[in-house]
N, C-alpha and C. Protein backbone atom coordinates (compact mmCIF):
# COMPACT_ATOMS: atom_id res chain seq x y z
N MET A 1 0.86 -1.17 0.00
CA MET A 1 0.00 0.00 0.00
C MET A 1 0.90 1.23 0.00
N SER A 2 0.68 2.11 -0.93
CA SER A 2 1.49 3.32 -1.01
C SER A 2 1.05 4.30 0.08
N ALA A 3 1.93 5.23 0.40
CA ALA A 3 1.61 6.24 1.41
C ALA A 3 0.41 7.07 0.99
N ARG A 4 0.27 7.30 -0.30
CA ARG A 4 -0.84 8.12 -0.80
C ARG A 4 -2.19 7.44 -0.54
N ASN A 5 -2.21 6.13 -0.58
CA ASN A 5 -3.46 5.40 -0.41
C ASN A 5 -3.65 4.88 1.00
N HIS A 6 -2.80 5.27 1.91
CA HIS A 6 -2.91 4.82 3.29
C HIS A 6 -4.18 5.37 3.91
N PRO A 7 -4.92 4.56 4.69
CA PRO A 7 -6.19 5.00 5.26
C PRO A 7 -6.09 6.22 6.18
N ILE A 8 -4.94 6.49 6.72
CA ILE A 8 -4.80 7.60 7.67
C ILE A 8 -4.67 8.94 6.95
N VAL A 9 -4.39 8.93 5.65
CA VAL A 9 -4.17 10.18 4.91
C VAL A 9 -5.36 11.14 5.03
N PRO A 10 -6.61 10.69 4.84
CA PRO A 10 -7.72 11.65 4.97
C PRO A 10 -7.83 12.24 6.38
N VAL A 11 -7.53 11.44 7.38
CA VAL A 11 -7.61 11.92 8.76
C VAL A 11 -6.56 12.99 9.00
N VAL A 12 -5.35 12.74 8.56
CA VAL A 12 -4.26 13.70 8.74
C VAL A 12 -4.57 14.98 7.97
N ALA A 13 -5.07 14.84 6.75
CA ALA A 13 -5.41 16.03 5.96
C ALA A 13 -6.48 16.85 6.66
N SER A 14 -7.47 16.19 7.21
CA SER A 14 -8.53 16.91 7.93
C SER A 14 -7.95 17.65 9.13
N MET A 15 -7.08 16.99 9.86
CA MET A 15 -6.48 17.63 11.04
C MET A 15 -5.67 18.85 10.63
N LEU A 16 -4.93 18.74 9.53
CA LEU A 16 -4.13 19.87 9.08
C LEU A 16 -5.00 21.04 8.64
N LEU A 17 -6.09 20.74 7.96
CA LEU A 17 -7.00 21.80 7.55
C LEU A 17 -7.60 22.51 8.77
N LEU A 18 -8.01 21.73 9.75
CA LEU A 18 -8.60 22.33 10.95
C LEU A 18 -7.57 23.09 11.77
N ALA A 19 -6.34 22.60 11.80
CA ALA A 19 -5.28 23.32 12.52
C ALA A 19 -5.00 24.66 11.85
N GLY A 20 -4.99 24.68 10.53
CA GLY A 20 -4.80 25.93 9.81
C GLY A 20 -5.94 26.89 10.06
N LEU A 21 -7.12 26.34 10.16
CA LEU A 21 -8.30 27.16 10.45
C LEU A 21 -8.19 27.79 11.84
N ALA A 22 -7.70 27.04 12.79
CA ALA A 22 -7.59 27.56 14.15
C ALA A 22 -6.62 28.73 14.22
N CYS A 23 -5.66 28.76 13.31
CA CYS A 23 -4.69 29.85 13.29
C CYS A 23 -5.20 31.09 12.57
N ALA A 24 -6.23 30.92 11.79
CA ALA A 24 -6.76 32.05 11.01
C ALA A 24 -7.49 33.02 11.92
N HIS A 25 -7.35 34.29 11.61
CA HIS A 25 -8.02 35.32 12.38
C HIS A 25 -9.34 35.64 11.70
N ALA A 26 -10.43 35.52 12.43
CA ALA A 26 -11.75 35.78 11.86
C ALA A 26 -12.15 37.23 12.08
N GLU A 27 -12.53 37.88 11.01
CA GLU A 27 -13.05 39.24 11.11
C GLU A 27 -14.55 39.14 11.34
N GLY A 28 -15.19 40.26 11.59
CA GLY A 28 -16.56 40.16 12.00
C GLY A 28 -17.60 40.98 11.26
N SER A 29 -17.46 41.21 9.97
CA SER A 29 -18.50 41.96 9.29
C SER A 29 -19.47 41.02 8.59
N GLU A 30 -20.63 41.57 8.28
CA GLU A 30 -21.65 40.77 7.58
C GLU A 30 -21.16 40.36 6.19
N ALA A 31 -20.45 41.25 5.52
CA ALA A 31 -19.93 40.95 4.19
C ALA A 31 -18.91 39.80 4.25
N GLU A 32 -18.08 39.83 5.27
CA GLU A 32 -17.09 38.75 5.43
C GLU A 32 -17.80 37.43 5.72
N PHE A 33 -18.86 37.49 6.52
CA PHE A 33 -19.63 36.27 6.77
C PHE A 33 -20.21 35.73 5.48
N LYS A 34 -20.82 36.60 4.69
CA LYS A 34 -21.45 36.15 3.44
C LYS A 34 -20.42 35.50 2.51
N ALA A 35 -19.24 36.08 2.43
CA ALA A 35 -18.19 35.52 1.57
C ALA A 35 -17.71 34.18 2.11
N ALA A 36 -17.47 34.12 3.42
CA ALA A 36 -17.00 32.87 4.03
C ALA A 36 -18.06 31.77 3.92
N TYR A 37 -19.32 32.15 4.14
CA TYR A 37 -20.41 31.18 4.06
C TYR A 37 -20.58 30.67 2.63
N ALA A 38 -20.46 31.56 1.66
CA ALA A 38 -20.58 31.15 0.25
C ALA A 38 -19.48 30.16 -0.12
N ALA A 39 -18.26 30.41 0.35
CA ALA A 39 -17.16 29.49 0.08
C ALA A 39 -17.42 28.12 0.72
N ALA A 40 -17.93 28.13 1.94
CA ALA A 40 -18.24 26.88 2.63
C ALA A 40 -19.37 26.14 1.92
N ASP A 41 -20.37 26.87 1.50
CA ASP A 41 -21.51 26.26 0.81
C ASP A 41 -21.08 25.64 -0.52
N THR A 42 -20.20 26.32 -1.24
CA THR A 42 -19.69 25.79 -2.50
C THR A 42 -18.92 24.50 -2.27
N ALA A 43 -18.06 24.48 -1.26
CA ALA A 43 -17.30 23.27 -0.95
C ALA A 43 -18.23 22.14 -0.52
N GLU A 44 -19.27 22.46 0.23
CA GLU A 44 -20.22 21.45 0.68
C GLU A 44 -21.01 20.88 -0.51
N LYS A 45 -21.33 21.72 -1.47
CA LYS A 45 -22.02 21.24 -2.68
C LYS A 45 -21.12 20.31 -3.48
N GLU A 46 -19.82 20.62 -3.52
CA GLU A 46 -18.86 19.74 -4.20
C GLU A 46 -18.81 18.38 -3.50
N ALA A 47 -18.83 18.40 -2.18
CA ALA A 47 -18.86 17.14 -1.42
C ALA A 47 -20.15 16.37 -1.72
N GLY A 48 -21.24 17.09 -1.91
CA GLY A 48 -22.51 16.46 -2.23
C GLY A 48 -22.47 15.77 -3.59
N VAL A 49 -21.82 16.40 -4.55
CA VAL A 49 -21.68 15.80 -5.88
C VAL A 49 -20.91 14.49 -5.76
N LEU A 50 -19.94 14.45 -4.85
CA LEU A 50 -19.14 13.24 -4.64
C LEU A 50 -19.81 12.25 -3.68
N ARG A 51 -21.00 12.63 -3.21
CA ARG A 51 -21.78 11.80 -2.28
C ARG A 51 -21.01 11.51 -1.00
N ASN A 52 -20.37 12.56 -0.47
CA ASN A 52 -19.58 12.40 0.74
C ASN A 52 -19.72 13.62 1.66
N GLN A 53 -20.96 14.04 1.89
CA GLN A 53 -21.19 15.15 2.81
C GLN A 53 -21.13 14.63 4.24
N TRP A 54 -20.48 15.40 5.09
CA TRP A 54 -20.37 15.02 6.50
C TRP A 54 -21.44 15.76 7.30
N THR A 55 -22.04 15.08 8.27
CA THR A 55 -23.06 15.71 9.11
C THR A 55 -22.45 16.83 9.95
N THR A 56 -21.19 16.72 10.29
CA THR A 56 -20.55 17.79 11.07
C THR A 56 -20.47 19.08 10.27
N THR A 57 -20.30 18.95 8.96
CA THR A 57 -20.26 20.14 8.11
C THR A 57 -21.62 20.82 8.11
N GLU A 58 -22.67 20.03 7.96
CA GLU A 58 -24.03 20.56 7.96
C GLU A 58 -24.35 21.28 9.27
N SER A 59 -23.99 20.66 10.39
CA SER A 59 -24.29 21.29 11.68
C SER A 59 -23.46 22.55 11.90
N THR A 60 -22.24 22.58 11.39
CA THR A 60 -21.40 23.77 11.51
C THR A 60 -21.94 24.90 10.64
N LEU A 61 -22.43 24.57 9.44
CA LEU A 61 -23.07 25.59 8.60
C LEU A 61 -24.32 26.15 9.28
N ALA A 62 -25.10 25.29 9.90
CA ALA A 62 -26.30 25.74 10.61
C ALA A 62 -25.93 26.66 11.77
N ALA A 63 -24.87 26.31 12.49
CA ALA A 63 -24.42 27.14 13.60
C ALA A 63 -23.93 28.50 13.09
N ALA A 64 -23.29 28.50 11.93
CA ALA A 64 -22.82 29.77 11.34
C ALA A 64 -24.01 30.66 10.99
N ARG A 65 -25.03 30.08 10.39
CA ARG A 65 -26.24 30.86 10.05
C ARG A 65 -26.89 31.40 11.32
N LYS A 66 -26.94 30.58 12.36
CA LYS A 66 -27.56 31.00 13.62
C LYS A 66 -26.78 32.16 14.24
N ALA A 67 -25.46 32.06 14.22
CA ALA A 67 -24.63 33.14 14.76
C ALA A 67 -24.83 34.43 13.97
N ALA A 68 -24.90 34.30 12.65
CA ALA A 68 -25.12 35.48 11.81
C ALA A 68 -26.49 36.09 12.08
N ASP A 69 -27.50 35.26 12.23
CA ASP A 69 -28.84 35.76 12.52
C ASP A 69 -28.89 36.51 13.84
N ALA A 70 -28.02 36.12 14.78
CA ALA A 70 -27.94 36.78 16.08
C ALA A 70 -27.04 38.01 16.03
N GLY A 71 -26.41 38.27 14.86
CA GLY A 71 -25.56 39.44 14.72
C GLY A 71 -24.13 39.21 15.17
N ASN A 72 -23.77 37.98 15.49
CA ASN A 72 -22.41 37.66 15.92
C ASN A 72 -21.61 37.23 14.69
N PHE A 73 -21.19 38.21 13.92
CA PHE A 73 -20.54 37.91 12.65
C PHE A 73 -19.14 37.35 12.82
N GLU A 74 -18.45 37.71 13.89
CA GLU A 74 -17.11 37.15 14.11
C GLU A 74 -17.21 35.64 14.27
N GLN A 75 -18.14 35.19 15.10
CA GLN A 75 -18.34 33.75 15.29
C GLN A 75 -18.86 33.11 14.00
N ALA A 76 -19.76 33.80 13.31
CA ALA A 76 -20.32 33.27 12.06
C ALA A 76 -19.24 33.06 11.01
N VAL A 77 -18.30 33.99 10.92
CA VAL A 77 -17.19 33.85 9.97
C VAL A 77 -16.32 32.66 10.36
N ALA A 78 -15.99 32.56 11.64
CA ALA A 78 -15.15 31.46 12.10
C ALA A 78 -15.82 30.11 11.84
N LEU A 79 -17.10 30.02 12.12
CA LEU A 79 -17.82 28.76 11.88
C LEU A 79 -17.92 28.46 10.38
N SER A 80 -18.10 29.48 9.57
CA SER A 80 -18.15 29.28 8.13
C SER A 80 -16.83 28.75 7.60
N LYS A 81 -15.74 29.29 8.11
CA LYS A 81 -14.41 28.82 7.70
C LYS A 81 -14.18 27.39 8.16
N GLU A 82 -14.66 27.07 9.35
CA GLU A 82 -14.54 25.70 9.85
C GLU A 82 -15.36 24.76 8.96
N ALA A 83 -16.56 25.16 8.59
CA ALA A 83 -17.41 24.34 7.72
C ALA A 83 -16.74 24.14 6.36
N GLU A 84 -16.11 25.18 5.85
CA GLU A 84 -15.42 25.05 4.57
C GLU A 84 -14.27 24.04 4.68
N ALA A 85 -13.52 24.11 5.77
CA ALA A 85 -12.42 23.16 5.97
C ALA A 85 -12.95 21.73 6.06
N LEU A 86 -14.06 21.56 6.77
CA LEU A 86 -14.66 20.22 6.87
C LEU A 86 -15.13 19.73 5.51
N ALA A 87 -15.77 20.60 4.75
CA ALA A 87 -16.26 20.20 3.42
C ALA A 87 -15.10 19.84 2.50
N LYS A 88 -14.04 20.64 2.55
CA LYS A 88 -12.87 20.34 1.71
C LYS A 88 -12.22 19.04 2.14
N ALA A 89 -12.22 18.76 3.44
CA ALA A 89 -11.66 17.49 3.91
C ALA A 89 -12.51 16.32 3.43
N SER A 90 -13.82 16.50 3.38
CA SER A 90 -14.68 15.41 2.89
C SER A 90 -14.49 15.20 1.39
N VAL A 91 -14.24 16.28 0.66
CA VAL A 91 -13.94 16.16 -0.77
C VAL A 91 -12.62 15.42 -0.95
N PHE A 92 -11.62 15.81 -0.16
CA PHE A 92 -10.33 15.14 -0.22
C PHE A 92 -10.49 13.65 0.08
N GLN A 93 -11.27 13.33 1.11
CA GLN A 93 -11.49 11.94 1.48
C GLN A 93 -12.13 11.16 0.33
N ALA A 94 -13.16 11.73 -0.26
CA ALA A 94 -13.85 11.05 -1.36
C ALA A 94 -12.90 10.79 -2.53
N ASN A 95 -12.10 11.80 -2.85
CA ASN A 95 -11.17 11.63 -3.97
C ASN A 95 -10.06 10.65 -3.66
N SER A 96 -9.54 10.69 -2.45
CA SER A 96 -8.43 9.79 -2.11
C SER A 96 -8.89 8.35 -1.95
N GLU A 97 -10.14 8.15 -1.57
CA GLU A 97 -10.63 6.79 -1.37
C GLU A 97 -11.29 6.22 -2.62
N LYS A 98 -11.41 7.03 -3.66
CA LYS A 98 -12.06 6.59 -4.89
C LYS A 98 -11.41 5.33 -5.45
N ASP A 99 -10.10 5.29 -5.42
CA ASP A 99 -9.38 4.14 -5.96
C ASP A 99 -8.62 3.37 -4.89
N ALA A 100 -8.79 3.74 -3.64
CA ALA A 100 -8.03 3.09 -2.55
C ALA A 100 -8.38 1.61 -2.43
N TRP A 101 -9.57 1.23 -2.80
CA TRP A 101 -9.97 -0.17 -2.68
C TRP A 101 -9.06 -1.08 -3.50
N LYS A 102 -8.47 -0.54 -4.56
CA LYS A 102 -7.59 -1.35 -5.40
C LYS A 102 -6.38 -1.84 -4.63
N ALA A 103 -5.91 -1.06 -3.68
CA ALA A 103 -4.75 -1.45 -2.88
C ALA A 103 -5.09 -2.60 -1.94
N LEU A 104 -6.37 -2.80 -1.66
CA LEU A 104 -6.79 -3.87 -0.77
C LEU A 104 -7.11 -5.17 -1.49
N GLU A 105 -7.19 -5.11 -2.81
CA GLU A 105 -7.49 -6.30 -3.60
C GLU A 105 -6.32 -7.28 -3.55
N ILE A 106 -6.64 -8.54 -3.44
CA ILE A 106 -5.61 -9.58 -3.47
C ILE A 106 -5.26 -9.85 -4.92
N HIS A 107 -3.99 -9.78 -5.23
CA HIS A 107 -3.53 -9.96 -6.62
C HIS A 107 -2.97 -11.33 -6.82
């Protein structure tokens, strides 16, 4: 099994994305929320096309909308960025596991 097809790769990639997110500074305007939310929504739709949407992404998007509705745009931006990272990790997982089963086949 190559390192690229190792089962831990999606987990490590997800952790790295979330760690990068934790380092990002979230601003707090409504416009920034809308942009961050749109990016997260686009990534989540891509995950949907690959049939690999994560429930954690959906709940994080809902929390972002709730925070924005309450006027807490700083939190809404941070949650939107987290949702985008989760969606991108699910896309990465779907793509990396698309052919991973071949490494498990007995030859």
